[in-house]
């Protein structure tokens, strides 16, 4: 009996020991589970932090790109140049021209009171023009005129005498009445003079060399279609001594012959003068605008005066506009020859 009691005590003790060991194992497993959960939680938090940092970085990059785009837009806008007609320029002494604020920079150094642009006084013929990349917008005859230039040829860019002649025609509509008049333009280039003449009511034949005709036609049609009663006629014309076979004077008669900046450094000045003379019939007026640049320009001007009855109708520095008619004796001789 005593031995049986001892057996139950030992068995009970062994069972308690096993239970305690199992409890300890469960506690250890529980602690390991908590540690794993802690590690997973830390990992999740780290992933969330990484995600937040990545989102913040992407947001920063987007903001940076937007700022760069805005800076690019600002730079592009700064490239836009507006040249204002002289009549709109503030007069000397105008309070709007004074530079009181902003005359000192951050370091305290005094800025120049007058910049190079302020010192430059635009000529009287300078139009209202807004220039930007790819196109220029001019304002004549009450209309905005969009002109595209081409770098493929000297004739496909805007030259200053064209602006001077457009201003002259627009501001002297009574003296030079183009309503319903037949007009020929020589060496039209971008076509601005033709467009202005057409807007003023003229029936224009616009001419130039084949390499500039495509851009010329596009500019002319873009600015006259739907605005003008008569659309300009675009033709190829190479200056020559003998134009009678291709442009007989019996068919091609004009009230005005216009030419702007056609005299420069080229080898066809004599042919140009012969072309002007060919189209200048009794009743025709030649209006030629040009900026004097070199000695050959002065030589052409002297020959022009010898060929036609001329008068200087506008002048601004080296920019001159002549109006000419044919000499009576020369015309009679030509008619007799033909």
C-alpha atoms as a PDB file:
ATOM      1  CA  UNK A   1       0.000   0.000   0.000  1.00  0.00           C
ATOM      2  CA  UNK A   2       2.796   2.277   0.889  1.00  0.00           C
ATOM      3  CA  UNK A   3       4.535   1.374  -2.349  1.00  0.00           C
ATOM      4  CA  UNK A   4       1.349   2.186  -4.285  1.00  0.00           C
ATOM      5  CA  UNK A   5       1.139   5.630  -2.639  1.00  0.00           C
ATOM      6  CA  UNK A   6       4.705   6.297  -3.555  1.00  0.00           C
ATOM      7  CA  UNK A   7       3.933   5.303  -7.158  1.00  0.00           C
ATOM      8  CA  UNK A   8       0.958   7.737  -7.326  1.00  0.00           C
ATOM      9  CA  UNK A   9       3.070  10.518  -5.851  1.00  0.00           C
ATOM     10  CA  UNK A  10       5.856   9.947  -8.335  1.00  0.00           C
ATOM     11  CA  UNK A  11       3.374   9.632 -11.200  1.00  0.00           C
ATOM     12  CA  UNK A  12       1.644  12.838 -10.109  1.00  0.00           C
ATOM     13  CA  UNK A  13       4.935  14.609  -9.860  1.00  0.00           C
ATOM     14  CA  UNK A  14       5.922  13.401 -13.349  1.00  0.00           C
ATOM     15  CA  UNK A  15       2.593  14.570 -14.775  1.00  0.00           C
ATOM     16  CA  UNK A  16       3.020  17.973 -13.154  1.00  0.00           C
ATOM     17  CA  UNK A  17       6.557  18.191 -14.540  1.00  0.00           C
ATOM     18  CA  UNK A  18       5.309  17.325 -18.013  1.00  0.00           C
ATOM     19  CA  UNK A  19       2.516  19.889 -17.686  1.00  0.00           C
ATOM     20  CA  UNK A  20       4.956  22.545 -16.556  1.00  0.00           C
ATOM     21  CA  UNK A  21       7.300  21.715 -19.430  1.00  0.00           C
ATOM     22  CA  UNK A  22       4.385  21.917 -21.866  1.00  0.00           C
ATOM     23  CA  UNK A  23       3.351  25.256 -20.320  1.00  0.00           C
ATOM     24  CA  UNK A  24       6.900  26.533 -20.645  1.00  0.00           C
ATOM     25  CA  UNK A  25       7.034  25.325 -24.278  1.00  0.00           C
ATOM     26  CA  UNK A  26       3.742  27.104 -24.965  1.00  0.00           C
ATOM     27  CA  UNK A  27       5.045  30.254 -23.286  1.00  0.00           C
ATOM     28  CA  UNK A  28       8.231  30.085 -25.362  1.00  0.00           C
ATOM     29  CA  UNK A  29       6.184  29.501 -28.514  1.00  0.00           C
ATOM     30  CA  UNK A  30       3.947  32.418 -27.511  1.00  0.00           C
ATOM     31  CA  UNK A  31       6.964  34.644 -26.950  1.00  0.00           C
ATOM     32  CA  UNK A  32       8.415  33.575 -30.305  1.00  0.00           C
ATOM     33  CA  UNK A  33       5.044  34.319 -31.907  1.00  0.00           C
ATOM     34  CA  UNK A  34       5.021  37.765 -30.355  1.00  0.00           C
ATOM     35  CA  UNK A  35       8.563  38.359 -31.577  1.00  0.00           C
ATOM     36  CA  UNK A  36       7.579  37.314 -35.110  1.00  0.00           C
ATOM     37  CA  UNK A  37       4.519  39.572 -34.949  1.00  0.00           C
ATOM     38  CA  UNK A  38       6.705  42.427 -33.720  1.00  0.00           C
ATOM     39  CA  UNK A  39       9.115  41.819 -36.568  1.00  0.00           C
ATOM     40  CA  UNK A  40       6.277  41.718 -39.089  1.00  0.00           C
ATOM     41  CA  UNK A  41       4.814  44.896 -37.620  1.00  0.00           C
ATOM     42  CA  UNK A  42       8.191  46.618 -37.813  1.00  0.00           C
ATOM     43  CA  UNK A  43       8.566  45.372 -41.397  1.00  0.00           C
ATOM     44  CA  UNK A  44       5.092  46.655 -42.288  1.00  0.00           C
ATOM     45  CA  UNK A  45       5.872  50.013 -40.724  1.00  0.00           C
ATOM     46  CA  UNK A  46       9.139  50.147 -42.625  1.00  0.00           C
ATOM     47  CA  UNK A  47       7.325  49.347 -45.854  1.00  0.00           C
ATOM     48  CA  UNK A  48       4.778  52.059 -45.129  1.00  0.00           C
ATOM     49  CA  UNK A  49       7.593  54.528 -44.470  1.00  0.00           C
ATOM     50  CA  UNK A  50       9.275  53.501 -47.698  1.00  0.00           C
ATOM     51  CA  UNK A  51       5.979  53.871 -49.561  1.00  0.00           C
ATOM     52  CA  UNK A  52       5.423  57.303 -48.018  1.00  0.00           C
ATOM     53  CA  UNK A  53       8.960  58.362 -48.895  1.00  0.00           C
ATOM     54  CA  UNK A  54       8.493  57.065 -52.430  1.00  0.00           C
ATOM     55  CA  UNK A  55       5.154  58.897 -52.747  1.00  0.00           C
ATOM     56  CA  UNK A  56       6.738  62.060 -51.376  1.00  0.00           C
ATOM     57  CA  UNK A  57       9.618  61.724 -53.833  1.00  0.00           C
ATOM     58  CA  UNK A  58       7.219  61.195 -56.739  1.00  0.00           C
ATOM     59  CA  UNK A  59       5.152  64.178 -55.620  1.00  0.00           C
ATOM     60  CA  UNK A  60       8.334  66.254 -55.360  1.00  0.00           C
ATOM     61  CA  UNK A  61       9.402  65.150 -58.829  1.00  0.00           C
ATOM     62  CA  UNK A  62       5.968  66.060 -60.222  1.00  0.00           C
ATOM     63  CA  UNK A  63       6.122  69.477 -58.561  1.00  0.00           C
ATOM     64  CA  UNK A  64       9.653  69.969 -59.864  1.00  0.00           C
ATOM     65  CA  UNK A  65       8.559  69.056 -63.389  1.00  0.00           C
ATOM     66  CA  UNK A  66       5.606  71.454 -63.119  1.00  0.00           C
ATOM     67  CA  UNK A  67       7.922  74.202 -61.898  1.00  0.00           C
ATOM     68  CA  UNK A  68      10.314  73.462 -64.756  1.00  0.00           C
ATOM     69  CA  UNK A  69       7.413  73.578 -67.216  1.00  0.00           C
ATOM     70  CA  UNK A  70       6.300  76.893 -65.730  1.00  0.00           C
ATOM     71  CA  UNK A  71       9.877  78.180 -65.969  1.00  0.00           C
ATOM     72  CA  UNK A  72      10.010  77.052 -69.609  1.00  0.00           C
ATOM     73  CA  UNK A  73       6.730  78.839 -70.281  1.00  0.00           C
ATOM     74  CA  UNK A  74       8.056  81.949 -68.548  1.00  0.00           C
ATOM     75  CA  UNK A  75      11.234  81.806 -70.604  1.00  0.00           C
ATOM     76  CA  UNK A  76       9.213  81.367 -73.784  1.00  0.00           C
ATOM     77  CA  UNK A  77       7.025  84.299 -72.851  1.00  0.00           C
ATOM     78  CA  UNK A  78      10.127  86.352 -72.160  1.00  0.00           C
ATOM     79  CA  UNK A  79      11.242  85.580 -75.722  1.00  0.00           C
ATOM     80  CA  UNK A  80       8.132  87.319 -77.026  1.00  0.00           C
ATOM     81  CA  UNK A  81       9.123  90.798 -78.133  1.00  0.00           C
ATOM     82  CA  UNK A  82       6.674  93.635 -78.576  1.00  0.00           C
ATOM     83  CA  UNK A  83       7.759  96.606 -80.631  1.00  0.00           C
ATOM     84  CA  UNK A  84       5.333  99.487 -80.160  1.00  0.00           C
ATOM     85  CA  UNK A  85       4.595 102.106 -82.778  1.00  0.00           C
ATOM     86  CA  UNK A  86       6.314 105.401 -82.076  1.00  0.00           C
ATOM     87  CA  UNK A  87       3.015 107.176 -81.574  1.00  0.00           C
ATOM     88  CA  UNK A  88       2.351 104.830 -78.656  1.00  0.00           C
ATOM     89  CA  UNK A  89       5.806 105.386 -77.108  1.00  0.00           C
ATOM     90  CA  UNK A  90       5.776 107.491 -73.893  1.00  0.00           C
ATOM     91  CA  UNK A  91       7.130 110.983 -74.442  1.00  0.00           C
ATOM     92  CA  UNK A  92      10.362 112.168 -72.883  1.00  0.00           C
ATOM     93  CA  UNK A  93       9.716 113.301 -69.356  1.00  0.00           C
ATOM     94  CA  UNK A  94       6.585 111.205 -68.998  1.00  0.00           C
ATOM     95  CA  UNK A  95       6.154 109.946 -65.443  1.00  0.00           C
ATOM     96  CA  UNK A  96       5.650 106.439 -66.814  1.00  0.00           C
ATOM     97  CA  UNK A  97       9.224 106.465 -68.105  1.00  0.00           C
ATOM     98  CA  UNK A  98      10.864 107.313 -64.758  1.00  0.00           C
ATOM     99  CA  UNK A  99      12.913 104.662 -62.959  1.00  0.00           C
ATOM    100  CA  UNK A 100      12.626 105.453 -59.257  1.00  0.00           C
ATOM    101  CA  UNK A 101      11.952 102.063 -57.722  1.00  0.00           C
ATOM    102  CA  UNK A 102      14.156  99.145 -58.587  1.00  0.00           C
ATOM    103  CA  UNK A 103      17.216 101.265 -59.478  1.00  0.00           C
ATOM    104  CA  UNK A 104      19.362  99.338 -57.026  1.00  0.00           C
ATOM    105  CA  UNK A 105      20.078  95.639 -57.037  1.00  0.00           C
ATOM    106  CA  UNK A 106      20.371  93.326 -54.006  1.00  0.00           C
ATOM    107  CA  UNK A 107      24.007  94.228 -53.367  1.00  0.00           C
ATOM    108  CA  UNK A 108      23.149  97.926 -53.351  1.00  0.00           C
ATOM    109  CA  UNK A 109      24.887  98.656 -56.626  1.00  0.00           C
ATOM    110  CA  UNK A 110      23.032 101.231 -58.707  1.00  0.00           C
ATOM    111  CA  UNK A 111      21.620  99.914 -61.936  1.00  0.00           C
ATOM    112  CA  UNK A 112      21.988 101.851 -65.171  1.00  0.00           C
ATOM    113  CA  UNK A 113      19.239 104.439 -65.528  1.00  0.00           C
ATOM    114  CA  UNK A 114      18.818 103.728 -69.220  1.00  0.00           C
ATOM    115  CA  UNK A 115      19.214 100.381 -70.920  1.00  0.00           C
ATOM    116  CA  UNK A 116      20.288  99.891 -74.517  1.00  0.00           C
ATOM    117  CA  UNK A 117      16.674  99.216 -75.500  1.00  0.00           C
ATOM    118  CA  UNK A 118      15.564 102.469 -73.844  1.00  0.00           C
ATOM    119  CA  UNK A 119      18.320 104.435 -75.579  1.00  0.00           C
ATOM    120  CA  UNK A 120      17.194 103.051 -78.952  1.00  0.00           C
ATOM    121  CA  UNK A 121      14.518 105.179 -80.547  1.00  0.00           C
ATOM    122  CA  UNK A 122      12.551 103.221 -83.168  1.00  0.00           C
ATOM    123  CA  UNK A 123      12.124 104.809 -86.615  1.00  0.00           C
ATOM    124  CA  UNK A 124       8.836 106.456 -87.469  1.00  0.00           C
ATOM    125  CA  UNK A 125       7.886 103.619 -89.811  1.00  0.00           C
ATOM    126  CA  UNK A 126       8.248 100.929 -87.139  1.00  0.00           C
ATOM    127  CA  UNK A 127       4.890  99.123 -86.878  1.00  0.00           C
ATOM    128  CA  UNK A 128       3.081  97.510 -84.016  1.00  0.00           C
ATOM    129  CA  UNK A 129       4.443  93.981 -84.205  1.00  0.00           C
ATOM    130  CA  UNK A 130       4.430  91.063 -81.812  1.00  0.00           C
ATOM    131  CA  UNK A 131       7.168  88.559 -82.578  1.00  0.00           C
ATOM    132  CA  UNK A 132       7.341  85.030 -81.279  1.00  0.00           C
ATOM    133  CA  UNK A 133       8.877  81.768 -82.307  1.00  0.00           C
ATOM    134  CA  UNK A 134       7.790  80.821 -85.803  1.00  0.00           C
ATOM    135  CA  UNK A 135       5.625  83.815 -86.707  1.00  0.00           C
ATOM    136  CA  UNK A 136       5.242  87.590 -86.551  1.00  0.00           C
ATOM    137  CA  UNK A 137       1.952  89.401 -86.099  1.00  0.00           C
ATOM    138  CA  UNK A 138       1.683  92.872 -87.678  1.00  0.00           C
ATOM    139  CA  UNK A 139      -1.190  95.334 -87.611  1.00  0.00           C
ATOM    140  CA  UNK A 140      -1.996  97.328 -90.745  1.00  0.00           C
ATOM    141  CA  UNK A 141      -5.188  98.497 -92.409  1.00  0.00           C
ATOM    142  CA  UNK A 142      -7.119  97.632 -89.260  1.00  0.00           C
ATOM    143  CA  UNK A 143      -6.210  93.951 -89.443  1.00  0.00           C
ATOM    144  CA  UNK A 144      -3.798  91.599 -87.685  1.00  0.00           C
ATOM    145  CA  UNK A 145      -1.493  90.033 -90.251  1.00  0.00           C
ATOM    146  CA  UNK A 146       0.269  86.755 -89.458  1.00  0.00           C
ATOM    147  CA  UNK A 147       3.556  86.295 -91.324  1.00  0.00           C
ATOM    148  CA  UNK A 148       5.700  83.171 -91.318  1.00  0.00           C
ATOM    149  CA  UNK A 149       9.298  83.512 -92.411  1.00  0.00           C
ATOM    150  CA  UNK A 150      11.579  80.912 -93.946  1.00  0.00           C
ATOM    151  CA  UNK A 151      15.334  80.647 -93.432  1.00  0.00           C
ATOM    152  CA  UNK A 152      15.778  78.943 -96.789  1.00  0.00           C
ATOM    153  CA  UNK A 153      16.206  82.207 -98.675  1.00  0.00           C
ATOM    154  CA  UNK A 154      17.019  85.871 -98.124  1.00  0.00           C
ATOM    155  CA  UNK A 155      13.769  86.666 -99.897  1.00  0.00           C
ATOM    156  CA  UNK A 156      11.678  84.704 -97.412  1.00  0.00           C
ATOM    157  CA  UNK A 157      12.513  86.833 -94.351  1.00  0.00           C
ATOM    158  CA  UNK A 158      11.176  90.216 -93.327  1.00  0.00           C
ATOM    159  CA  UNK A 159      13.242  93.233 -94.383  1.00  0.00           C
ATOM    160  CA  UNK A 160      12.827  96.727 -92.890  1.00  0.00           C
ATOM    161  CA  UNK A 161      11.845  98.515 -96.107  1.00  0.00           C
ATOM    162  CA  UNK A 162       8.755  96.298 -96.359  1.00  0.00           C
ATOM    163  CA  UNK A 163       7.613  97.611 -92.988  1.00  0.00           C
ATOM    164  CA  UNK A 164       8.349 101.183 -94.060  1.00  0.00           C
ATOM    165  CA  UNK A 165       6.380 100.797 -97.289  1.00  0.00           C
ATOM    166  CA  UNK A 166       3.406  99.199 -95.494  1.00  0.00           C
ATOM    167  CA  UNK A 167       3.338 102.062 -93.022  1.00  0.00           C
ATOM    168  CA  UNK A 168       3.513 104.581 -95.854  1.00  0.00           C
ATOM    169  CA  UNK A 169       0.628 102.985 -97.761  1.00  0.00           C
ATOM    170  CA  UNK A 170      -1.509 102.650 -94.626  1.00  0.00           C
ATOM    171  CA  UNK A 171      -0.947 106.253 -93.519  1.00  0.00           C
ATOM    172  CA  UNK A 172      -1.284 107.908 -96.951  1.00  0.00           C
ATOM    173  CA  UNK A 173      -4.485 106.402 -98.302  1.00  0.00           C
ATOM    174  CA  UNK A 174      -5.624 109.642 -99.967  1.00  0.00           C
ATOM    175  CA  UNK A 175      -2.329 110.336-101.700  1.00  0.00           C
ATOM    176  CA  UNK A 176      -1.974 106.690-102.742  1.00  0.00           C
ATOM    177  CA  UNK A 177      -5.542 105.485-103.258  1.00  0.00           C
ATOM    178  CA  UNK A 178      -5.343 101.753-103.954  1.00  0.00           C
ATOM    179  CA  UNK A 179      -9.083 101.071-104.111  1.00  0.00           C
ATOM    180  CA  UNK A 180      -9.702  99.018-107.264  1.00  0.00           C
ATOM    181  CA  UNK A 181      -6.220  99.751-108.640  1.00  0.00           C
ATOM    182  CA  UNK A 182      -4.096  97.211-110.511  1.00  0.00           C
ATOM    183  CA  UNK A 183      -0.873  96.715-108.544  1.00  0.00           C
ATOM    184  CA  UNK A 184       2.291  94.706-109.233  1.00  0.00           C
ATOM    185  CA  UNK A 185       4.812  93.869-106.519  1.00  0.00           C
ATOM    186  CA  UNK A 186       8.366  92.924-107.465  1.00  0.00           C
ATOM    187  CA  UNK A 187      10.434  90.690-105.170  1.00  0.00           C
ATOM    188  CA  UNK A 188       7.602  90.296-102.686  1.00  0.00           C
ATOM    189  CA  UNK A 189       9.459  88.025-100.216  1.00  0.00           C
ATOM    190  CA  UNK A 190       7.107  87.232 -97.340  1.00  0.00           C
ATOM    191  CA  UNK A 191       4.200  89.031 -99.041  1.00  0.00           C
ATOM    192  CA  UNK A 192       3.472  91.617 -96.333  1.00  0.00           C
ATOM    193  CA  UNK A 193       3.343  94.580 -98.760  1.00  0.00           C
ATOM    194  CA  UNK A 194       0.972  92.690-101.061  1.00  0.00           C
ATOM    195  CA  UNK A 195      -1.269  91.756 -98.137  1.00  0.00           C
ATOM    196  CA  UNK A 196      -1.513  95.376 -96.965  1.00  0.00           C
ATOM    197  CA  UNK A 197      -2.176  96.633-100.507  1.00  0.00           C
ATOM    198  CA  UNK A 198      -4.902  94.013-100.931  1.00  0.00           C
ATOM    199  CA  UNK A 199      -6.499  94.950 -97.605  1.00  0.00           C
ATOM    200  CA  UNK A 200      -6.507  98.553 -98.850  1.00  0.00           C
ATOM    201  CA  UNK A 201      -8.567  97.502-101.878  1.00  0.00           C
ATOM    202  CA  UNK A 202      -5.971  96.846-104.590  1.00  0.00           C
ATOM    203  CA  UNK A 203      -6.014  94.062-107.185  1.00  0.00           C
ATOM    204  CA  UNK A 204      -2.483  92.733-106.746  1.00  0.00           C
ATOM    205  CA  UNK A 205      -0.203  90.518-108.797  1.00  0.00           C
ATOM    206  CA  UNK A 206       2.575  89.395-106.466  1.00  0.00           C
ATOM    207  CA  UNK A 207       5.845  88.069-107.925  1.00  0.00           C
ATOM    208  CA  UNK A 208       9.141  86.568-106.852  1.00  0.00           C
ATOM    209  CA  UNK A 209      11.520  83.708-107.641  1.00  0.00           C
ATOM    210  CA  UNK A 210      10.349  80.068-107.513  1.00  0.00           C
ATOM    211  CA  UNK A 211      12.253  79.180-104.323  1.00  0.00           C
ATOM    212  CA  UNK A 212      10.212  81.589-102.161  1.00  0.00           C
ATOM    213  CA  UNK A 213       6.873  81.243-103.912  1.00  0.00           C
ATOM    214  CA  UNK A 214       5.489  78.504-101.641  1.00  0.00           C
ATOM    215  CA  UNK A 215       5.909  80.474 -98.400  1.00  0.00           C
ATOM    216  CA  UNK A 216       4.838  83.666-100.178  1.00  0.00           C
ATOM    217  CA  UNK A 217       1.600  82.102-101.409  1.00  0.00           C
ATOM    218  CA  UNK A 218       0.808  80.637 -97.978  1.00  0.00           C
ATOM    219  CA  UNK A 219       1.263  84.003 -96.234  1.00  0.00           C
ATOM    220  CA  UNK A 220      -0.774  85.888 -98.814  1.00  0.00           C
ATOM    221  CA  UNK A 221      -3.710  83.477 -98.889  1.00  0.00           C
ATOM    222  CA  UNK A 222      -3.774  83.077 -95.101  1.00  0.00           C
ATOM    223  CA  UNK A 223      -4.258  86.818 -94.617  1.00  0.00           C
ATOM    224  CA  UNK A 224      -6.500  87.774 -97.542  1.00  0.00           C
ATOM    225  CA  UNK A 225      -8.933  84.887 -98.041  1.00  0.00           C
ATOM    226  CA  UNK A 226     -12.290  85.844 -96.567  1.00  0.00           C
ATOM    227  CA  UNK A 227     -11.123  89.407 -95.869  1.00  0.00           C
ATOM    228  CA  UNK A 228     -10.642  90.901 -99.312  1.00  0.00           C
ATOM    229  CA  UNK A 229     -12.789  91.244-102.391  1.00  0.00           C
ATOM    230  CA  UNK A 230      -9.870  90.446-104.697  1.00  0.00           C
ATOM    231  CA  UNK A 231      -7.380  87.685-103.905  1.00  0.00           C
ATOM    232  CA  UNK A 232      -3.795  88.351-105.004  1.00  0.00           C
ATOM    233  CA  UNK A 233      -2.449  86.522-108.027  1.00  0.00           C
ATOM    234  CA  UNK A 234       0.901  84.821-107.344  1.00  0.00           C
ATOM    235  CA  UNK A 235       3.343  84.516-110.253  1.00  0.00           C
ATOM    236  CA  UNK A 236       7.002  83.724-110.908  1.00  0.00           C
ATOM    237  CA  UNK A 237       8.965  86.677-112.266  1.00  0.00           C
ATOM    238  CA  UNK A 238      12.712  86.783-112.849  1.00  0.00           C
ATOM    239  CA  UNK A 239      14.071  90.267-113.527  1.00  0.00           C
ATOM    240  CA  UNK A 240      15.258  90.546-117.089  1.00  0.00           C
ATOM    241  CA  UNK A 241      16.150  92.956-119.901  1.00  0.00           C
ATOM    242  CA  UNK A 242      13.508  91.450-122.195  1.00  0.00           C
ATOM    243  CA  UNK A 243      10.175  90.698-120.548  1.00  0.00           C
ATOM    244  CA  UNK A 244       7.994  91.470-123.553  1.00  0.00           C
ATOM    245  CA  UNK A 245       7.643  87.805-124.667  1.00  0.00           C
ATOM    246  CA  UNK A 246       6.452  86.637-121.240  1.00  0.00           C
ATOM    247  CA  UNK A 247       4.855  89.838-119.882  1.00  0.00           C
ATOM    248  CA  UNK A 248       3.701  91.864-122.900  1.00  0.00           C
ATOM    249  CA  UNK A 249       2.937  95.450-121.998  1.00  0.00           C
ATOM    250  CA  UNK A 250      -0.289  95.298-123.988  1.00  0.00           C
ATOM    251  CA  UNK A 251      -1.678  92.821-121.428  1.00  0.00           C
ATOM    252  CA  UNK A 252       0.219  93.591-118.224  1.00  0.00           C
ATOM    253  CA  UNK A 253      -0.596  97.178-117.333  1.00  0.00           C
ATOM    254  CA  UNK A 254      -0.554  98.403-113.739  1.00  0.00           C
ATOM    255  CA  UNK A 255      -1.474 101.561-111.862  1.00  0.00           C
ATOM    256  CA  UNK A 256       1.247 100.954-109.287  1.00  0.00           C
ATOM    257  CA  UNK A 257       4.468  98.973-109.189  1.00  0.00           C
ATOM    258  CA  UNK A 258       5.660  98.330-105.615  1.00  0.00           C
ATOM    259  CA  UNK A 259       9.115  97.200-104.529  1.00  0.00           C
ATOM    260  CA  UNK A 260      10.680  97.027-101.061  1.00  0.00           C
ATOM    261  CA  UNK A 261      14.305  96.197-100.211  1.00  0.00           C
ATOM    262  CA  UNK A 262      14.970  94.748-103.641  1.00  0.00           C
ATOM    263  CA  UNK A 263      18.319  96.576-103.835  1.00  0.00           C
ATOM    264  CA  UNK A 264      21.065  94.854-101.884  1.00  0.00           C
ATOM    265  CA  UNK A 265      24.253  92.925-102.652  1.00  0.00           C
ATOM    266  CA  UNK A 266      23.283  90.895-105.719  1.00  0.00           C
ATOM    267  CA  UNK A 267      24.307  90.756-109.379  1.00  0.00           C
ATOM    268  CA  UNK A 268      20.972  91.675-110.974  1.00  0.00           C
ATOM    269  CA  UNK A 269      20.597  95.379-110.231  1.00  0.00           C
ATOM    270  CA  UNK A 270      20.653  96.300-113.922  1.00  0.00           C
ATOM    271  CA  UNK A 271      17.993  93.671-114.678  1.00  0.00           C
ATOM    272  CA  UNK A 272      15.900  95.010-111.806  1.00  0.00           C
ATOM    273  CA  UNK A 273      15.998  98.540-113.218  1.00  0.00           C
ATOM    274  CA  UNK A 274      15.081  97.209-116.663  1.00  0.00           C
ATOM    275  CA  UNK A 275      12.132  95.310-115.128  1.00  0.00           C
ATOM    276  CA  UNK A 276      10.874  98.445-113.380  1.00  0.00           C
ATOM    277  CA  UNK A 277      11.159 100.352-116.634  1.00  0.00           C
ATOM    278  CA  UNK A 278       9.285  97.626-118.533  1.00  0.00           C
ATOM    279  CA  UNK A 279       6.228  97.815-116.298  1.00  0.00           C
ATOM    280  CA  UNK A 280       6.245 101.598-115.853  1.00  0.00           C
ATOM    281  CA  UNK A 281       3.855 102.763-118.568  1.00  0.00           C
ATOM    282  CA  UNK A 282       2.151 106.172-118.885  1.00  0.00           C
ATOM    283  CA  UNK A 283      -0.106 106.497-115.842  1.00  0.00           C
ATOM    284  CA  UNK A 284       1.950 103.990-113.799  1.00  0.00           C
ATOM    285  CA  UNK A 285       3.598 105.010-110.532  1.00  0.00           C
ATOM    286  CA  UNK A 286       6.583 103.100-109.164  1.00  0.00           C
ATOM    287  CA  UNK A 287       6.917 103.211-105.371  1.00  0.00           C
ATOM    288  CA  UNK A 288      10.295 101.895-104.244  1.00  0.00           C
ATOM    289  CA  UNK A 289      11.369 101.660-100.594  1.00  0.00           C
ATOM    290  CA  UNK A 290      14.907 100.753 -99.597  1.00  0.00           C
ATOM    291  CA  UNK A 291      17.434 101.066 -96.814  1.00  0.00           C
ATOM    292  CA  UNK A 292      20.813 102.313 -97.990  1.00  0.00           C
ATOM    293  CA  UNK A 293      23.496  99.853 -96.903  1.00  0.00           C
ATOM    294  CA  UNK A 294      26.397 100.088 -99.337  1.00  0.00           C
ATOM    295  CA  UNK A 295      27.874 102.019-102.228  1.00  0.00           C
ATOM    296  CA  UNK A 296      26.051  99.955-104.847  1.00  0.00           C
ATOM    297  CA  UNK A 297      22.738 101.085-103.335  1.00  0.00           C
ATOM    298  CA  UNK A 298      23.668 104.713-103.984  1.00  0.00           C
ATOM    299  CA  UNK A 299      24.688 103.866-107.550  1.00  0.00           C
ATOM    300  CA  UNK A 300      21.332 102.196-108.194  1.00  0.00           C
ATOM    301  CA  UNK A 301      19.532 105.199-106.707  1.00  0.00           C
ATOM    302  CA  UNK A 302      21.307 107.542-109.123  1.00  0.00           C
ATOM    303  CA  UNK A 303      20.434 105.315-112.078  1.00  0.00           C
ATOM    304  CA  UNK A 304      16.826 105.119-110.847  1.00  0.00           C
ATOM    305  CA  UNK A 305      16.602 108.919-110.805  1.00  0.00           C
ATOM    306  CA  UNK A 306      18.025 109.105-114.331  1.00  0.00           C
ATOM    307  CA  UNK A 307      15.526 106.527-115.617  1.00  0.00           C
ATOM    308  CA  UNK A 308      12.338 107.973-114.064  1.00  0.00           C
ATOM    309  CA  UNK A 309      10.850 111.233-112.894  1.00  0.00           C
ATOM    310  CA  UNK A 310      11.317 110.723-109.167  1.00  0.00           C
ATOM    311  CA  UNK A 311      10.375 112.344-105.905  1.00  0.00           C
ATOM    312  CA  UNK A 312      11.378 111.428-102.367  1.00  0.00           C
ATOM    313  CA  UNK A 313       8.065 110.920-100.562  1.00  0.00           C
ATOM    314  CA  UNK A 314       9.371 109.633 -97.205  1.00  0.00           C
ATOM    315  CA  UNK A 315      12.716 109.512 -95.437  1.00  0.00           C
ATOM    316  CA  UNK A 316      13.876 108.356 -92.036  1.00  0.00           C
ATOM    317  CA  UNK A 317      17.638 108.155 -91.669  1.00  0.00           C
ATOM    318  CA  UNK A 318      18.930 105.677 -94.233  1.00  0.00           C
ATOM    319  CA  UNK A 319      15.395 104.517 -95.062  1.00  0.00           C
ATOM    320  CA  UNK A 320      14.038 106.192 -98.195  1.00  0.00           C
ATOM    321  CA  UNK A 321      10.836 105.827-100.221  1.00  0.00           C
ATOM    322  CA  UNK A 322      10.735 107.117-103.805  1.00  0.00           C
ATOM    323  CA  UNK A 323       7.758 107.588-106.122  1.00  0.00           C
ATOM    324  CA  UNK A 324       8.507 107.593-109.829  1.00  0.00           C
ATOM    325  CA  UNK A 325       6.816 107.903-113.217  1.00  0.00           C
ATOM    326  CA  UNK A 326       8.138 107.174-116.673  1.00  0.00           C
ATOM    327  CA  UNK A 327       9.851 109.817-118.755  1.00  0.00           C
ATOM    328  CA  UNK A 328       7.671 110.885-121.668  1.00  0.00           C
ATOM    329  CA  UNK A 329      10.377 110.838-124.321  1.00  0.00           C
ATOM    330  CA  UNK A 330      11.581 107.347-123.422  1.00  0.00           C
ATOM    331  CA  UNK A 331       8.044 105.942-123.486  1.00  0.00           C
ATOM    332  CA  UNK A 332       7.272 107.388-126.916  1.00  0.00           C
ATOM    333  CA  UNK A 333      10.529 105.961-128.287  1.00  0.00           C
ATOM    334  CA  UNK A 334       9.701 102.510-126.892  1.00  0.00           C
ATOM    335  CA  UNK A 335       6.226 102.562-128.429  1.00  0.00           C
ATOM    336  CA  UNK A 336       7.729 103.474-131.784  1.00  0.00           C
ATOM    337  CA  UNK A 337      10.255 100.633-131.497  1.00  0.00           C
ATOM    338  CA  UNK A 338       7.472  98.136-130.831  1.00  0.00           C
END
